[in-house]
Amino acid sequence: GRCPPTPKCHTPPLYRMGIFAPNHVVAESRFWYFVSQLKKMKKFSGEILGLVVHPCL
């Protein structure tokens, strides 16, 4: 995830996490929870660029 590009910052830094969750909805929710605690970024001021789900074996 990252903040959207602005005229001031054309390439904002990316934040990547490994999150264990039962489905992608819970994983996205947990991502925003942890990012909001680590950085000053909230769901409405950011975007998730990709999500990879690894099935549990």
PDB file of N, CA and C in Angstrom:
ATOM      1  N   GLY A   1       0.813  -1.168   0.000  1.00  0.00           N
ATOM      2  CA  GLY A   1       0.000   0.000   0.000  1.00  0.00           C
ATOM      3  C   GLY A   1       0.865   1.244   0.000  1.00  0.00           C
ATOM      4  N   ARG A   2       0.266   2.354  -0.313  1.00  0.00           N
ATOM      5  CA  ARG A   2       0.965   3.633  -0.338  1.00  0.00           C
ATOM      6  C   ARG A   2      -0.042   4.765  -0.310  1.00  0.00           C
ATOM      7  N   CYS A   3       0.462   5.973  -0.084  1.00  0.00           N
ATOM      8  CA  CYS A   3      -0.346   7.168  -0.256  1.00  0.00           C
ATOM      9  C   CYS A   3      -0.438   7.444  -1.749  1.00  0.00           C
ATOM     10  N   PRO A   4      -1.500   8.088  -2.220  1.00  0.00           N
ATOM     11  CA  PRO A   4      -1.576   8.373  -3.651  1.00  0.00           C
ATOM     12  C   PRO A   4      -0.536   9.411  -4.064  1.00  0.00           C
ATOM     13  N   PRO A   5      -0.074   9.381  -5.314  1.00  0.00           N
ATOM     14  CA  PRO A   5       0.907  10.361  -5.779  1.00  0.00           C
ATOM     15  C   PRO A   5       0.338  11.780  -5.746  1.00  0.00           C
ATOM     16  N   THR A   6       1.178  12.732  -5.403  1.00  0.00           N
ATOM     17  CA  THR A   6       0.807  14.142  -5.366  1.00  0.00           C
ATOM     18  C   THR A   6       1.813  14.928  -6.195  1.00  0.00           C
ATOM     19  N   PRO A   7       1.516  16.185  -6.513  1.00  0.00           N
ATOM     20  CA  PRO A   7       2.508  16.994  -7.238  1.00  0.00           C
ATOM     21  C   PRO A   7       3.813  17.163  -6.452  1.00  0.00           C
ATOM     22  N   LYS A   8       3.721  17.148  -5.137  1.00  0.00           N
ATOM     23  CA  LYS A   8       4.917  17.301  -4.302  1.00  0.00           C
ATOM     24  C   LYS A   8       5.748  16.012  -4.282  1.00  0.00           C
ATOM     25  N   CYS A   9       5.087  14.871  -4.225  1.00  0.00           N
ATOM     26  CA  CYS A   9       5.766  13.571  -4.157  1.00  0.00           C
ATOM     27  C   CYS A   9       5.190  12.656  -5.244  1.00  0.00           C
ATOM     28  N   HIS A  10       5.924  12.517  -6.354  1.00  0.00           N
ATOM     29  CA  HIS A  10       5.425  11.733  -7.480  1.00  0.00           C
ATOM     30  C   HIS A  10       5.484  10.230  -7.225  1.00  0.00           C
ATOM     31  N   THR A  11       6.469   9.766  -6.452  1.00  0.00           N
ATOM     32  CA  THR A  11       6.593   8.335  -6.156  1.00  0.00           C
ATOM     33  C   THR A  11       6.653   8.136  -4.643  1.00  0.00           C
ATOM     34  N   PRO A  12       5.490   8.052  -3.987  1.00  0.00           N
ATOM     35  CA  PRO A  12       5.483   7.849  -2.539  1.00  0.00           C
ATOM     36  C   PRO A  12       6.029   6.473  -2.176  1.00  0.00           C
ATOM     37  N   PRO A  13       6.546   6.320  -0.951  1.00  0.00           N
ATOM     38  CA  PRO A  13       7.101   5.023  -0.550  1.00  0.00           C
ATOM     39  C   PRO A  13       6.014   3.952  -0.431  1.00  0.00           C
ATOM     40  N   LEU A  14       6.396   2.730  -0.737  1.00  0.00           N
ATOM     41  CA  LEU A  14       5.486   1.591  -0.625  1.00  0.00           C
ATOM     42  C   LEU A  14       5.678   0.911   0.723  1.00  0.00           C
ATOM     43  N   TYR A  15       4.605   0.384   1.274  1.00  0.00           N
ATOM     44  CA  TYR A  15       4.654  -0.354   2.530  1.00  0.00           C
ATOM     45  C   TYR A  15       4.129  -1.761   2.268  1.00  0.00           C
ATOM     46  N   ARG A  16       4.935  -2.756   2.633  1.00  0.00           N
ATOM     47  CA  ARG A  16       4.588  -4.153   2.379  1.00  0.00           C
ATOM     48  C   ARG A  16       4.538  -4.907   3.702  1.00  0.00           C
ATOM     49  N   MET A  17       3.542  -5.779   3.847  1.00  0.00           N
ATOM     50  CA  MET A  17       3.390  -6.568   5.069  1.00  0.00           C
ATOM     51  C   MET A  17       2.957  -7.988   4.727  1.00  0.00           C
ATOM     52  N   GLY A  18       3.338  -8.903   5.579  1.00  0.00           N
ATOM     53  CA  GLY A  18       2.826 -10.262   5.514  1.00  0.00           C
ATOM     54  C   GLY A  18       1.805 -10.426   6.627  1.00  0.00           C
ATOM     55  N   ILE A  19       0.559 -10.670   6.263  1.00  0.00           N
ATOM     56  CA  ILE A  19      -0.526 -10.751   7.239  1.00  0.00           C
ATOM     57  C   ILE A  19      -1.233 -12.092   7.072  1.00  0.00           C
ATOM     58  N   PHE A  20      -1.406 -12.802   8.165  1.00  0.00           N
ATOM     59  CA  PHE A  20      -2.137 -14.062   8.150  1.00  0.00           C
ATOM     60  C   PHE A  20      -3.599 -13.770   8.478  1.00  0.00           C
ATOM     61  N   ALA A  21      -4.497 -14.098   7.551  1.00  0.00           N
ATOM     62  CA  ALA A  21      -5.919 -13.835   7.731  1.00  0.00           C
ATOM     63  C   ALA A  21      -6.719 -14.901   6.974  1.00  0.00           C
ATOM     64  N   PRO A  22      -7.966 -15.136   7.380  1.00  0.00           N
ATOM     65  CA  PRO A  22      -8.768 -16.165   6.714  1.00  0.00           C
ATOM     66  C   PRO A  22      -9.196 -15.804   5.290  1.00  0.00           C
ATOM     67  N   ASN A  23      -9.306 -14.504   4.967  1.00  0.00           N
ATOM     68  CA  ASN A  23      -9.681 -14.098   3.608  1.00  0.00           C
ATOM     69  C   ASN A  23      -9.126 -12.708   3.304  1.00  0.00           C
ATOM     70  N   HIS A  24      -9.324 -12.239   2.067  1.00  0.00           N
ATOM     71  CA  HIS A  24      -8.718 -10.977   1.645  1.00  0.00           C
ATOM     72  C   HIS A  24      -9.359  -9.763   2.308  1.00  0.00           C
ATOM     73  N   VAL A  25     -10.617  -9.850   2.691  1.00  0.00           N
ATOM     74  CA  VAL A  25     -11.285  -8.726   3.341  1.00  0.00           C
ATOM     75  C   VAL A  25     -10.661  -8.461   4.710  1.00  0.00           C
ATOM     76  N   VAL A  26     -10.443  -9.506   5.467  1.00  0.00           N
ATOM     77  CA  VAL A  26      -9.826  -9.377   6.787  1.00  0.00           C
ATOM     78  C   VAL A  26      -8.373  -8.931   6.638  1.00  0.00           C
ATOM     79  N   ALA A  27      -7.686  -9.429   5.627  1.00  0.00           N
ATOM     80  CA  ALA A  27      -6.286  -9.052   5.403  1.00  0.00           C
ATOM     81  C   ALA A  27      -6.161  -7.561   5.107  1.00  0.00           C
ATOM     82  N   GLU A  28      -7.041  -7.014   4.269  1.00  0.00           N
ATOM     83  CA  GLU A  28      -7.001  -5.583   3.972  1.00  0.00           C
ATOM     84  C   GLU A  28      -7.292  -4.763   5.222  1.00  0.00           C
ATOM     85  N   SER A  29      -8.254  -5.199   6.007  1.00  0.00           N
ATOM     86  CA  SER A  29      -8.592  -4.495   7.238  1.00  0.00           C
ATOM     87  C   SER A  29      -7.417  -4.477   8.207  1.00  0.00           C
ATOM     88  N   ARG A  30      -6.765  -5.615   8.366  1.00  0.00           N
ATOM     89  CA  ARG A  30      -5.607  -5.686   9.263  1.00  0.00           C
ATOM     90  C   ARG A  30      -4.457  -4.844   8.726  1.00  0.00           C
ATOM     91  N   PHE A  31      -4.258  -4.791   7.401  1.00  0.00           N
ATOM     92  CA  PHE A  31      -3.216  -3.957   6.806  1.00  0.00           C
ATOM     93  C   PHE A  31      -3.423  -2.500   7.198  1.00  0.00           C
ATOM     94  N   TRP A  32      -4.643  -1.995   7.031  1.00  0.00           N
ATOM     95  CA  TRP A  32      -4.899  -0.589   7.370  1.00  0.00           C
ATOM     96  C   TRP A  32      -4.759  -0.351   8.866  1.00  0.00           C
ATOM     97  N   TYR A  33      -5.122  -1.325   9.681  1.00  0.00           N
ATOM     98  CA  TYR A  33      -4.961  -1.190  11.130  1.00  0.00           C
ATOM     99  C   TYR A  33      -3.490  -1.014  11.490  1.00  0.00           C
ATOM    100  N   PHE A  34      -2.618  -1.867  10.966  1.00  0.00           N
ATOM    101  CA  PHE A  34      -1.200  -1.799  11.309  1.00  0.00           C
ATOM    102  C   PHE A  34      -0.512  -0.593  10.681  1.00  0.00           C
ATOM    103  N   VAL A  35      -0.864  -0.252   9.445  1.00  0.00           N
ATOM    104  CA  VAL A  35      -0.245   0.908   8.794  1.00  0.00           C
ATOM    105  C   VAL A  35      -0.618   2.197   9.523  1.00  0.00           C
ATOM    106  N   SER A  36      -1.848   2.296   9.989  1.00  0.00           N
ATOM    107  CA  SER A  36      -2.254   3.514  10.702  1.00  0.00           C
ATOM    108  C   SER A  36      -1.515   3.660  12.022  1.00  0.00           C
ATOM    109  N   GLN A  37      -1.087   2.554  12.608  1.00  0.00           N
ATOM    110  CA  GLN A  37      -0.311   2.641  13.843  1.00  0.00           C
ATOM    111  C   GLN A  37       1.153   2.962  13.571  1.00  0.00           C
ATOM    112  N   LEU A  38       1.705   2.465  12.453  1.00  0.00           N
ATOM    113  CA  LEU A  38       3.120   2.663  12.145  1.00  0.00           C
ATOM    114  C   LEU A  38       3.389   3.988  11.443  1.00  0.00           C
ATOM    115  N   LYS A  39       2.528   4.377  10.530  1.00  0.00           N
ATOM    116  CA  LYS A  39       2.697   5.599   9.740  1.00  0.00           C
ATOM    117  C   LYS A  39       1.429   6.424   9.820  1.00  0.00           C
ATOM    118  N   LYS A  40       1.523   7.703   9.481  1.00  0.00           N
ATOM    119  CA  LYS A  40       0.333   8.552   9.471  1.00  0.00           C
ATOM    120  C   LYS A  40      -0.392   8.382   8.138  1.00  0.00           C
ATOM    121  N   MET A  41      -1.025   7.227   7.972  1.00  0.00           N
ATOM    122  CA  MET A  41      -1.758   6.941   6.745  1.00  0.00           C
ATOM    123  C   MET A  41      -3.052   6.237   7.120  1.00  0.00           C
ATOM    124  N   LYS A  42      -4.146   6.702   6.533  1.00  0.00           N
ATOM    125  CA  LYS A  42      -5.440   6.093   6.792  1.00  0.00           C
ATOM    126  C   LYS A  42      -6.012   5.520   5.500  1.00  0.00           C
ATOM    127  N   LYS A  43      -7.090   4.777   5.629  1.00  0.00           N
ATOM    128  CA  LYS A  43      -7.672   4.085   4.484  1.00  0.00           C
ATOM    129  C   LYS A  43      -8.129   5.063   3.398  1.00  0.00           C
ATOM    130  N   PHE A  44      -8.740   6.173   3.785  1.00  0.00           N
ATOM    131  CA  PHE A  44      -9.237   7.112   2.774  1.00  0.00           C
ATOM    132  C   PHE A  44      -8.123   7.909   2.115  1.00  0.00           C
ATOM    133  N   SER A  45      -6.923   7.943   2.710  1.00  0.00           N
ATOM    134  CA  SER A  45      -5.810   8.688   2.119  1.00  0.00           C
ATOM    135  C   SER A  45      -4.740   7.752   1.564  1.00  0.00           C
ATOM    136  N   GLY A  46      -5.088   6.508   1.288  1.00  0.00           N
ATOM    137  CA  GLY A  46      -4.116   5.551   0.771  1.00  0.00           C
ATOM    138  C   GLY A  46      -4.754   4.589  -0.205  1.00  0.00           C
ATOM    139  N   GLU A  47      -3.927   3.703  -0.739  1.00  0.00           N
ATOM    140  CA  GLU A  47      -4.430   2.707  -1.672  1.00  0.00           C
ATOM    141  C   GLU A  47      -3.620   1.430  -1.537  1.00  0.00           C
ATOM    142  N   ILE A  48      -4.278   0.298  -1.757  1.00  0.00           N
ATOM    143  CA  ILE A  48      -3.600  -0.994  -1.765  1.00  0.00           C
ATOM    144  C   ILE A  48      -3.319  -1.333  -3.221  1.00  0.00           C
ATOM    145  N   LEU A  49      -2.055  -1.553  -3.538  1.00  0.00           N
ATOM    146  CA  LEU A  49      -1.660  -1.802  -4.922  1.00  0.00           C
ATOM    147  C   LEU A  49      -1.805  -3.260  -5.323  1.00  0.00           C
ATOM    148  N   GLY A  50      -1.643  -4.162  -4.379  1.00  0.00           N
ATOM    149  CA  GLY A  50      -1.753  -5.575  -4.709  1.00  0.00           C
ATOM    150  C   GLY A  50      -1.998  -6.404  -3.472  1.00  0.00           C
ATOM    151  N   LEU A  51      -2.584  -7.573  -3.694  1.00  0.00           N
ATOM    152  CA  LEU A  51      -2.873  -8.481  -2.595  1.00  0.00           C
ATOM    153  C   LEU A  51      -2.711  -9.904  -3.116  1.00  0.00           C
ATOM    154  N   VAL A  52      -1.879 -10.678  -2.450  1.00  0.00           N
ATOM    155  CA  VAL A  52      -1.652 -12.067  -2.838  1.00  0.00           C
ATOM    156  C   VAL A  52      -2.134 -12.954  -1.700  1.00  0.00           C
ATOM    157  N   VAL A  53      -3.030 -13.874  -2.014  1.00  0.00           N
ATOM    158  CA  VAL A  53      -3.573 -14.789  -1.016  1.00  0.00           C
ATOM    159  C   VAL A  53      -2.892 -16.143  -1.186  1.00  0.00           C
ATOM    160  N   HIS A  54      -2.279 -16.641  -0.121  1.00  0.00           N
ATOM    161  CA  HIS A  54      -1.652 -17.957  -0.115  1.00  0.00           C
ATOM    162  C   HIS A  54      -2.551 -18.898   0.675  1.00  0.00           C
ATOM    163  N   PRO A  55      -3.098 -19.928   0.052  1.00  0.00           N
ATOM    164  CA  PRO A  55      -3.977 -20.843   0.780  1.00  0.00           C
ATOM    165  C   PRO A  55      -3.206 -21.637   1.834  1.00  0.00           C
ATOM    166  N   CYS A  56      -3.839 -21.839   2.957  1.00  0.00           N
ATOM    167  CA  CYS A  56      -3.226 -22.639   4.028  1.00  0.00           C
ATOM    168  C   CYS A  56      -3.308 -24.115   3.642  1.00  0.00           C
ATOM    169  N   LEU A  57      -2.235 -24.827   3.891  1.00  0.00           N
ATOM    170  CA  LEU A  57      -2.215 -26.253   3.552  1.00  0.00           C
ATOM    171  C   LEU A  57      -2.516 -27.106   4.752  1.00  0.00           C
TER     172      LEU A  57
END
